[in-house]
Amino acid sequence: MSEHLWHILTDSFFKILIPGLVTTIPLTAISFFLALVIGILTALVQFANVKVLKHIARFYIWVVRGTPILVQLYVVFYGLPNLGIMIEPFPAAVAVFAVNEGAYTAETMRSAFESVPAGQLEAGYCVGMSYFQTFWRILLPQAFKTAFPPLSNSLIAMVKETSLAANITVTEMFMATQRIVARTYEPLALYIEVALIYLIFSTVLTWVQRKAEKKINFLSEKTFDGETR
């Protein structure tokens, strides 16, 4: 590696990393939190089997999962202005990623809700719990344990998918790299560098996921032992 190329890589590292910390990570965190809210509510609508709302939920999931997220970004950011709806790049990206991931989260949570034995819900009602108490104390904890691994994988995938936000002028890591490439004409080295930074982020999240899974399993076993005693 030439000294010139090494200087470019070392100089660009923090210029790529900082947008990752101040834009990519917040974009991922906010979008994923909103996706969880959307997903849980949509899954509950289906689980409760309210026909009209269930059809609306299924239509939402069908449309969102059946169209590319890049197209959704273009529709919201470049298409809606034709209707007089102007959205800034970052909020537009948050909205699209949240709605898109919410559809997948809804299916994950629906499967998790359905995996909870019906007898446990009936037992909650029998001891006088309301629907909300049964949901909060019985249904959600067990469903969340089942859904945690796929949800964690979705979060890791979303970190990488945020690179698509560069297409609507969000200055995250990938766009920062593109600007440096346009100035230095070193695409191979710089794109490998940003790939390694994404890999670092994903590796940290994978490590956190494994630790969290062990903690959840430990707490579940502890709770189960306490109940059996």
C-alpha atoms as a PDB file:
ATOM      1  CA  MET A   1       0.000   0.000   0.000  1.00  0.00           C
ATOM      2  CA  SER A   2       1.394   3.354  -1.026  1.00  0.00           C
ATOM      3  CA  GLU A   3       1.953   6.088   1.500  1.00  0.00           C
ATOM      4  CA  HIS A   4      -0.531   8.293  -0.376  1.00  0.00           C
ATOM      5  CA  LEU A   5      -3.293   5.680  -0.175  1.00  0.00           C
ATOM      6  CA  TRP A   6      -2.552   4.999   3.493  1.00  0.00           C
ATOM      7  CA  HIS A   7      -2.862   8.730   4.203  1.00  0.00           C
ATOM      8  CA  ILE A   8      -6.246   8.826   2.418  1.00  0.00           C
ATOM      9  CA  LEU A   9      -7.557   5.865   4.439  1.00  0.00           C
ATOM     10  CA  THR A  10      -6.398   7.169   7.797  1.00  0.00           C
ATOM     11  CA  ASP A  11      -7.659  10.656   7.036  1.00  0.00           C
ATOM     12  CA  SER A  12     -11.060   9.377   5.860  1.00  0.00           C
ATOM     13  CA  PHE A  13     -11.654   6.873   8.664  1.00  0.00           C
ATOM     14  CA  PHE A  14     -13.136   9.334  11.153  1.00  0.00           C
ATOM     15  CA  LYS A  15     -14.802  11.312   8.354  1.00  0.00           C
ATOM     16  CA  ILE A  16     -16.768   8.116   7.631  1.00  0.00           C
ATOM     17  CA  LEU A  17     -17.126   6.919  11.225  1.00  0.00           C
ATOM     18  CA  ILE A  18     -18.543  10.179  12.614  1.00  0.00           C
ATOM     19  CA  PRO A  19     -21.541  10.242  10.210  1.00  0.00           C
ATOM     20  CA  GLY A  20     -22.058   6.636  11.255  1.00  0.00           C
ATOM     21  CA  LEU A  21     -22.252   7.596  14.915  1.00  0.00           C
ATOM     22  CA  VAL A  22     -24.328  10.768  14.489  1.00  0.00           C
ATOM     23  CA  THR A  23     -26.578   9.692  11.608  1.00  0.00           C
ATOM     24  CA  THR A  24     -26.518   5.948  10.848  1.00  0.00           C
ATOM     25  CA  ILE A  25     -26.931   4.776  14.455  1.00  0.00           C
ATOM     26  CA  PRO A  26     -29.677   7.305  15.384  1.00  0.00           C
ATOM     27  CA  LEU A  27     -31.467   6.578  12.098  1.00  0.00           C
ATOM     28  CA  THR A  28     -31.386   2.864  12.876  1.00  0.00           C
ATOM     29  CA  ALA A  29     -32.390   3.235  16.528  1.00  0.00           C
ATOM     30  CA  ILE A  30     -35.335   5.595  15.923  1.00  0.00           C
ATOM     31  CA  SER A  31     -36.592   3.648  12.915  1.00  0.00           C
ATOM     32  CA  PHE A  32     -36.365   0.305  14.683  1.00  0.00           C
ATOM     33  CA  PHE A  33     -38.145   1.580  17.801  1.00  0.00           C
ATOM     34  CA  LEU A  34     -41.012   2.913  15.680  1.00  0.00           C
ATOM     35  CA  ALA A  35     -41.022  -0.345  13.698  1.00  0.00           C
ATOM     36  CA  LEU A  36     -41.438  -2.286  16.953  1.00  0.00           C
ATOM     37  CA  VAL A  37     -44.434  -0.148  17.916  1.00  0.00           C
ATOM     38  CA  ILE A  38     -45.989  -0.550  14.460  1.00  0.00           C
ATOM     39  CA  GLY A  39     -45.206  -4.256  14.383  1.00  0.00           C
ATOM     40  CA  ILE A  40     -46.640  -5.030  17.819  1.00  0.00           C
ATOM     41  CA  LEU A  41     -49.834  -3.080  17.158  1.00  0.00           C
ATOM     42  CA  THR A  42     -50.277  -4.694  13.737  1.00  0.00           C
ATOM     43  CA  ALA A  43     -49.628  -8.151  15.179  1.00  0.00           C
ATOM     44  CA  LEU A  44     -52.151  -7.538  17.962  1.00  0.00           C
ATOM     45  CA  VAL A  45     -54.789  -6.519  15.431  1.00  0.00           C
ATOM     46  CA  GLN A  46     -54.266  -9.827  13.652  1.00  0.00           C
ATOM     47  CA  PHE A  47     -54.061 -11.817  16.878  1.00  0.00           C
ATOM     48  CA  ALA A  48     -57.311 -10.285  18.150  1.00  0.00           C
ATOM     49  CA  ASN A  49     -58.909 -11.269  14.832  1.00  0.00           C
ATOM     50  CA  VAL A  50     -60.918  -8.074  14.339  1.00  0.00           C
ATOM     51  CA  LYS A  51     -61.935  -8.679  10.711  1.00  0.00           C
ATOM     52  CA  VAL A  52     -61.881  -5.162   9.253  1.00  0.00           C
ATOM     53  CA  LEU A  53     -58.667  -4.167  11.043  1.00  0.00           C
ATOM     54  CA  LYS A  54     -57.118  -7.534  10.237  1.00  0.00           C
ATOM     55  CA  HIS A  55     -57.761  -7.003   6.507  1.00  0.00           C
ATOM     56  CA  ILE A  56     -56.190  -3.544   6.701  1.00  0.00           C
ATOM     57  CA  ALA A  57     -53.168  -4.992   8.518  1.00  0.00           C
ATOM     58  CA  ARG A  58     -52.754  -7.765   5.960  1.00  0.00           C
ATOM     59  CA  PHE A  59     -53.021  -5.241   3.100  1.00  0.00           C
ATOM     60  CA  TYR A  60     -50.328  -3.059   4.705  1.00  0.00           C
ATOM     61  CA  ILE A  61     -48.017  -6.049   5.153  1.00  0.00           C
ATOM     62  CA  TRP A  62     -48.678  -7.254   1.599  1.00  0.00           C
ATOM     63  CA  VAL A  63     -47.881  -3.888   0.007  1.00  0.00           C
ATOM     64  CA  VAL A  64     -44.814  -3.078   2.083  1.00  0.00           C
ATOM     65  CA  ARG A  65     -43.205  -6.518   1.878  1.00  0.00           C
ATOM     66  CA  GLY A  66     -43.982  -6.743  -1.833  1.00  0.00           C
ATOM     67  CA  THR A  67     -42.199  -3.541  -2.883  1.00  0.00           C
ATOM     68  CA  PRO A  68     -38.489  -2.631  -2.671  1.00  0.00           C
ATOM     69  CA  ILE A  69     -37.482  -0.318   0.150  1.00  0.00           C
ATOM     70  CA  LEU A  70     -35.507   1.818  -2.318  1.00  0.00           C
ATOM     71  CA  VAL A  71     -38.693   2.427  -4.307  1.00  0.00           C
ATOM     72  CA  GLN A  72     -40.496   3.331  -1.080  1.00  0.00           C
ATOM     73  CA  LEU A  73     -37.786   5.873  -0.282  1.00  0.00           C
ATOM     74  CA  TYR A  74     -38.154   7.442  -3.723  1.00  0.00           C
ATOM     75  CA  VAL A  75     -41.949   7.554  -3.470  1.00  0.00           C
ATOM     76  CA  VAL A  76     -41.851   9.349  -0.119  1.00  0.00           C
ATOM     77  CA  PHE A  77     -38.975  11.742  -0.767  1.00  0.00           C
ATOM     78  CA  TYR A  78     -39.244  12.460  -4.500  1.00  0.00           C
ATOM     79  CA  GLY A  79     -42.870  11.521  -5.180  1.00  0.00           C
ATOM     80  CA  LEU A  80     -44.863  13.115  -2.360  1.00  0.00           C
ATOM     81  CA  PRO A  81     -43.686  16.674  -3.196  1.00  0.00           C
ATOM     82  CA  ASN A  82     -45.894  16.393  -6.312  1.00  0.00           C
ATOM     83  CA  LEU A  83     -48.814  16.264  -3.860  1.00  0.00           C
ATOM     84  CA  GLY A  84     -47.473  19.217  -1.911  1.00  0.00           C
ATOM     85  CA  ILE A  85     -46.034  17.046   0.877  1.00  0.00           C
ATOM     86  CA  MET A  86     -42.421  18.013   1.582  1.00  0.00           C
ATOM     87  CA  ILE A  87     -40.425  15.912   4.041  1.00  0.00           C
ATOM     88  CA  GLU A  88     -36.821  16.504   5.071  1.00  0.00           C
ATOM     89  CA  PRO A  89     -34.377  13.690   4.186  1.00  0.00           C
ATOM     90  CA  PHE A  90     -33.798  12.310   7.703  1.00  0.00           C
ATOM     91  CA  PRO A  91     -37.498  12.191   8.771  1.00  0.00           C
ATOM     92  CA  ALA A  92     -38.362  10.697   5.367  1.00  0.00           C
ATOM     93  CA  ALA A  93     -35.789   7.955   5.868  1.00  0.00           C
ATOM     94  CA  VAL A  94     -37.034   7.281   9.411  1.00  0.00           C
ATOM     95  CA  ALA A  95     -40.631   7.017   8.201  1.00  0.00           C
ATOM     96  CA  VAL A  96     -39.803   4.651   5.346  1.00  0.00           C
ATOM     97  CA  PHE A  97     -37.501   2.392   7.365  1.00  0.00           C
ATOM     98  CA  ALA A  98     -39.988   2.267  10.257  1.00  0.00           C
ATOM     99  CA  VAL A  99     -42.977   1.436   8.057  1.00  0.00           C
ATOM    100  CA  ASN A 100     -40.975  -1.081   6.028  1.00  0.00           C
ATOM    101  CA  GLU A 101     -39.478  -2.875   9.023  1.00  0.00           C
ATOM    102  CA  GLY A 102     -42.805  -2.650  10.861  1.00  0.00           C
ATOM    103  CA  ALA A 103     -44.365  -4.995   8.302  1.00  0.00           C
ATOM    104  CA  TYR A 104     -41.701  -7.641   8.898  1.00  0.00           C
ATOM    105  CA  THR A 105     -41.795  -7.102  12.656  1.00  0.00           C
ATOM    106  CA  ALA A 106     -45.575  -7.570  12.585  1.00  0.00           C
ATOM    107  CA  GLU A 107     -45.185 -11.045  11.114  1.00  0.00           C
ATOM    108  CA  THR A 108     -42.465 -11.930  13.610  1.00  0.00           C
ATOM    109  CA  MET A 109     -44.580 -10.777  16.545  1.00  0.00           C
ATOM    110  CA  ARG A 110     -47.728 -12.430  15.205  1.00  0.00           C
ATOM    111  CA  SER A 111     -45.953 -15.779  15.090  1.00  0.00           C
ATOM    112  CA  ALA A 112     -44.564 -15.164  18.577  1.00  0.00           C
ATOM    113  CA  PHE A 113     -48.010 -14.293  19.967  1.00  0.00           C
ATOM    114  CA  GLU A 114     -49.492 -17.419  18.431  1.00  0.00           C
ATOM    115  CA  SER A 115     -46.758 -19.546  20.024  1.00  0.00           C
ATOM    116  CA  VAL A 116     -48.001 -18.672  23.541  1.00  0.00           C
ATOM    117  CA  PRO A 117     -50.330 -21.461  24.749  1.00  0.00           C
ATOM    118  CA  ALA A 118     -53.967 -20.344  24.830  1.00  0.00           C
ATOM    119  CA  GLY A 119     -54.346 -21.949  28.260  1.00  0.00           C
ATOM    120  CA  GLN A 120     -52.042 -19.369  29.800  1.00  0.00           C
ATOM    121  CA  LEU A 121     -54.176 -16.515  28.500  1.00  0.00           C
ATOM    122  CA  GLU A 122     -57.318 -18.215  29.803  1.00  0.00           C
ATOM    123  CA  ALA A 123     -55.628 -18.670  33.172  1.00  0.00           C
ATOM    124  CA  GLY A 124     -54.906 -14.938  33.284  1.00  0.00           C
ATOM    125  CA  TYR A 125     -58.566 -14.135  32.679  1.00  0.00           C
ATOM    126  CA  CYS A 126     -59.616 -16.694  35.291  1.00  0.00           C
ATOM    127  CA  VAL A 127     -57.604 -14.985  38.043  1.00  0.00           C
ATOM    128  CA  GLY A 128     -59.238 -11.653  37.223  1.00  0.00           C
ATOM    129  CA  MET A 129     -56.686 -10.040  34.925  1.00  0.00           C
ATOM    130  CA  SER A 130     -57.938  -7.566  32.336  1.00  0.00           C
ATOM    131  CA  TYR A 131     -57.047  -7.940  28.656  1.00  0.00           C
ATOM    132  CA  PHE A 132     -54.295  -5.338  29.032  1.00  0.00           C
ATOM    133  CA  GLN A 133     -52.855  -7.053  32.150  1.00  0.00           C
ATOM    134  CA  THR A 134     -52.924 -10.438  30.413  1.00  0.00           C
ATOM    135  CA  PHE A 135     -51.179  -8.954  27.408  1.00  0.00           C
ATOM    136  CA  TRP A 136     -48.546  -7.100  29.455  1.00  0.00           C
ATOM    137  CA  ARG A 137     -47.778  -9.802  32.040  1.00  0.00           C
ATOM    138  CA  ILE A 138     -48.307 -13.052  30.132  1.00  0.00           C
ATOM    139  CA  LEU A 139     -48.488 -12.644  26.365  1.00  0.00           C
ATOM    140  CA  LEU A 140     -45.853  -9.990  25.634  1.00  0.00           C
ATOM    141  CA  PRO A 141     -42.997 -11.355  27.837  1.00  0.00           C
ATOM    142  CA  GLN A 142     -43.240 -14.859  26.383  1.00  0.00           C
ATOM    143  CA  ALA A 143     -43.739 -13.629  22.835  1.00  0.00           C
ATOM    144  CA  PHE A 144     -40.814 -11.227  23.146  1.00  0.00           C
ATOM    145  CA  LYS A 145     -38.513 -14.045  24.257  1.00  0.00           C
ATOM    146  CA  THR A 146     -39.468 -16.027  21.158  1.00  0.00           C
ATOM    147  CA  ALA A 147     -39.210 -13.020  18.857  1.00  0.00           C
ATOM    148  CA  PHE A 148     -35.961 -11.608  20.266  1.00  0.00           C
ATOM    149  CA  PRO A 149     -33.487 -13.485  17.998  1.00  0.00           C
ATOM    150  CA  PRO A 150     -35.222 -12.631  14.692  1.00  0.00           C
ATOM    151  CA  LEU A 151     -35.833  -9.056  15.845  1.00  0.00           C
ATOM    152  CA  SER A 152     -32.151  -8.702  16.710  1.00  0.00           C
ATOM    153  CA  ASN A 153     -31.218 -10.000  13.269  1.00  0.00           C
ATOM    154  CA  SER A 154     -33.581  -7.449  11.729  1.00  0.00           C
ATOM    155  CA  LEU A 155     -31.890  -4.664  13.697  1.00  0.00           C
ATOM    156  CA  ILE A 156     -28.472  -5.724  12.425  1.00  0.00           C
ATOM    157  CA  ALA A 157     -29.826  -5.871   8.873  1.00  0.00           C
ATOM    158  CA  MET A 158     -31.309  -2.391   9.254  1.00  0.00           C
ATOM    159  CA  VAL A 159     -27.909  -0.928  10.145  1.00  0.00           C
ATOM    160  CA  LYS A 160     -26.706  -2.017   6.705  1.00  0.00           C
ATOM    161  CA  GLU A 161     -29.925  -1.030   4.920  1.00  0.00           C
ATOM    162  CA  THR A 162     -29.573   2.569   6.112  1.00  0.00           C
ATOM    163  CA  SER A 163     -26.914   2.970   3.416  1.00  0.00           C
ATOM    164  CA  LEU A 164     -29.869   3.269   1.018  1.00  0.00           C
ATOM    165  CA  ALA A 165     -30.740   6.580   2.679  1.00  0.00           C
ATOM    166  CA  ALA A 166     -27.844   8.094   0.734  1.00  0.00           C
ATOM    167  CA  ASN A 167     -30.175   7.960  -2.280  1.00  0.00           C
ATOM    168  CA  ILE A 168     -32.378  10.641  -0.695  1.00  0.00           C
ATOM    169  CA  THR A 169     -29.421  12.821   0.380  1.00  0.00           C
ATOM    170  CA  VAL A 170     -29.136  11.654   3.998  1.00  0.00           C
ATOM    171  CA  THR A 171     -25.505  12.210   4.964  1.00  0.00           C
ATOM    172  CA  GLU A 172     -24.755   8.854   6.565  1.00  0.00           C
ATOM    173  CA  MET A 173     -21.642   6.700   6.239  1.00  0.00           C
ATOM    174  CA  PHE A 174     -22.129   5.599   2.657  1.00  0.00           C
ATOM    175  CA  MET A 175     -22.782   9.094   1.337  1.00  0.00           C
ATOM    176  CA  ALA A 176     -19.778  10.402   3.270  1.00  0.00           C
ATOM    177  CA  THR A 177     -17.692   7.715   1.564  1.00  0.00           C
ATOM    178  CA  GLN A 178     -19.085   8.596  -1.871  1.00  0.00           C
ATOM    179  CA  ARG A 179     -18.057  12.216  -1.382  1.00  0.00           C
ATOM    180  CA  ILE A 180     -14.532  11.217  -0.394  1.00  0.00           C
ATOM    181  CA  VAL A 181     -14.299   8.873  -3.402  1.00  0.00           C
ATOM    182  CA  ALA A 182     -15.380  11.698  -5.717  1.00  0.00           C
ATOM    183  CA  ARG A 183     -12.525  13.786  -4.357  1.00  0.00           C
ATOM    184  CA  THR A 184      -9.750  11.154  -4.108  1.00  0.00           C
ATOM    185  CA  TYR A 185     -10.599   8.688  -6.920  1.00  0.00           C
ATOM    186  CA  GLU A 186      -9.879   5.681  -4.692  1.00  0.00           C
ATOM    187  CA  PRO A 187     -13.172   3.742  -4.790  1.00  0.00           C
ATOM    188  CA  LEU A 188     -11.858   0.251  -4.033  1.00  0.00           C
ATOM    189  CA  ALA A 189      -9.960   1.096  -0.854  1.00  0.00           C
ATOM    190  CA  LEU A 190     -12.595   3.507   0.489  1.00  0.00           C
ATOM    191  CA  TYR A 191     -15.573   1.241  -0.150  1.00  0.00           C
ATOM    192  CA  ILE A 192     -13.691  -1.591   1.565  1.00  0.00           C
ATOM    193  CA  GLU A 193     -13.033   0.768   4.459  1.00  0.00           C
ATOM    194  CA  VAL A 194     -16.708   1.681   4.889  1.00  0.00           C
ATOM    195  CA  ALA A 195     -17.615  -2.007   4.579  1.00  0.00           C
ATOM    196  CA  LEU A 196     -15.267  -2.752   7.476  1.00  0.00           C
ATOM    197  CA  ILE A 197     -16.907  -0.018   9.569  1.00  0.00           C
ATOM    198  CA  TYR A 198     -20.332  -1.538   8.873  1.00  0.00           C
ATOM    199  CA  LEU A 199     -18.827  -4.885   9.863  1.00  0.00           C
ATOM    200  CA  ILE A 200     -17.625  -3.410  13.164  1.00  0.00           C
ATOM    201  CA  PHE A 201     -21.104  -2.058  13.921  1.00  0.00           C
ATOM    202  CA  SER A 202     -22.700  -5.394  13.046  1.00  0.00           C
ATOM    203  CA  THR A 203     -20.179  -7.325  15.127  1.00  0.00           C
ATOM    204  CA  VAL A 204     -20.840  -5.171  18.191  1.00  0.00           C
ATOM    205  CA  LEU A 205     -24.591  -5.621  17.789  1.00  0.00           C
ATOM    206  CA  THR A 206     -24.152  -9.390  17.358  1.00  0.00           C
ATOM    207  CA  TRP A 207     -22.158  -9.505  20.591  1.00  0.00           C
ATOM    208  CA  VAL A 208     -24.853  -7.505  22.400  1.00  0.00           C
ATOM    209  CA  GLN A 209     -27.508  -9.823  20.939  1.00  0.00           C
ATOM    210  CA  ARG A 210     -25.791 -12.926  22.321  1.00  0.00           C
ATOM    211  CA  LYS A 211     -25.355 -11.374  25.750  1.00  0.00           C
ATOM    212  CA  ALA A 212     -28.993 -10.250  25.799  1.00  0.00           C
ATOM    213  CA  GLU A 213     -30.243 -13.695  24.734  1.00  0.00           C
ATOM    214  CA  LYS A 214     -28.316 -15.327  27.582  1.00  0.00           C
ATOM    215  CA  LYS A 215     -29.723 -12.775  30.029  1.00  0.00           C
ATOM    216  CA  ILE A 216     -33.294 -13.324  28.824  1.00  0.00           C
ATOM    217  CA  ASN A 217     -32.920 -17.103  29.015  1.00  0.00           C
ATOM    218  CA  PHE A 218     -31.443 -16.832  32.521  1.00  0.00           C
ATOM    219  CA  LEU A 219     -34.288 -14.619  33.728  1.00  0.00           C
ATOM    220  CA  SER A 220     -36.862 -16.937  32.160  1.00  0.00           C
ATOM    221  CA  GLU A 221     -35.365 -19.999  33.834  1.00  0.00           C
ATOM    222  CA  LYS A 222     -35.164 -18.161  37.138  1.00  0.00           C
ATOM    223  CA  THR A 223     -38.820 -17.116  36.867  1.00  0.00           C
ATOM    224  CA  PHE A 224     -39.841 -20.654  35.911  1.00  0.00           C
ATOM    225  CA  ASP A 225     -37.924 -22.136  38.876  1.00  0.00           C
ATOM    226  CA  GLY A 226     -39.524 -19.618  41.222  1.00  0.00           C
ATOM    227  CA  GLU A 227     -42.986 -20.487  39.974  1.00  0.00           C
ATOM    228  CA  THR A 228     -42.453 -24.257  40.252  1.00  0.00           C
ATOM    229  CA  ARG A 229     -41.283 -23.914  43.820  1.00  0.00           C
END
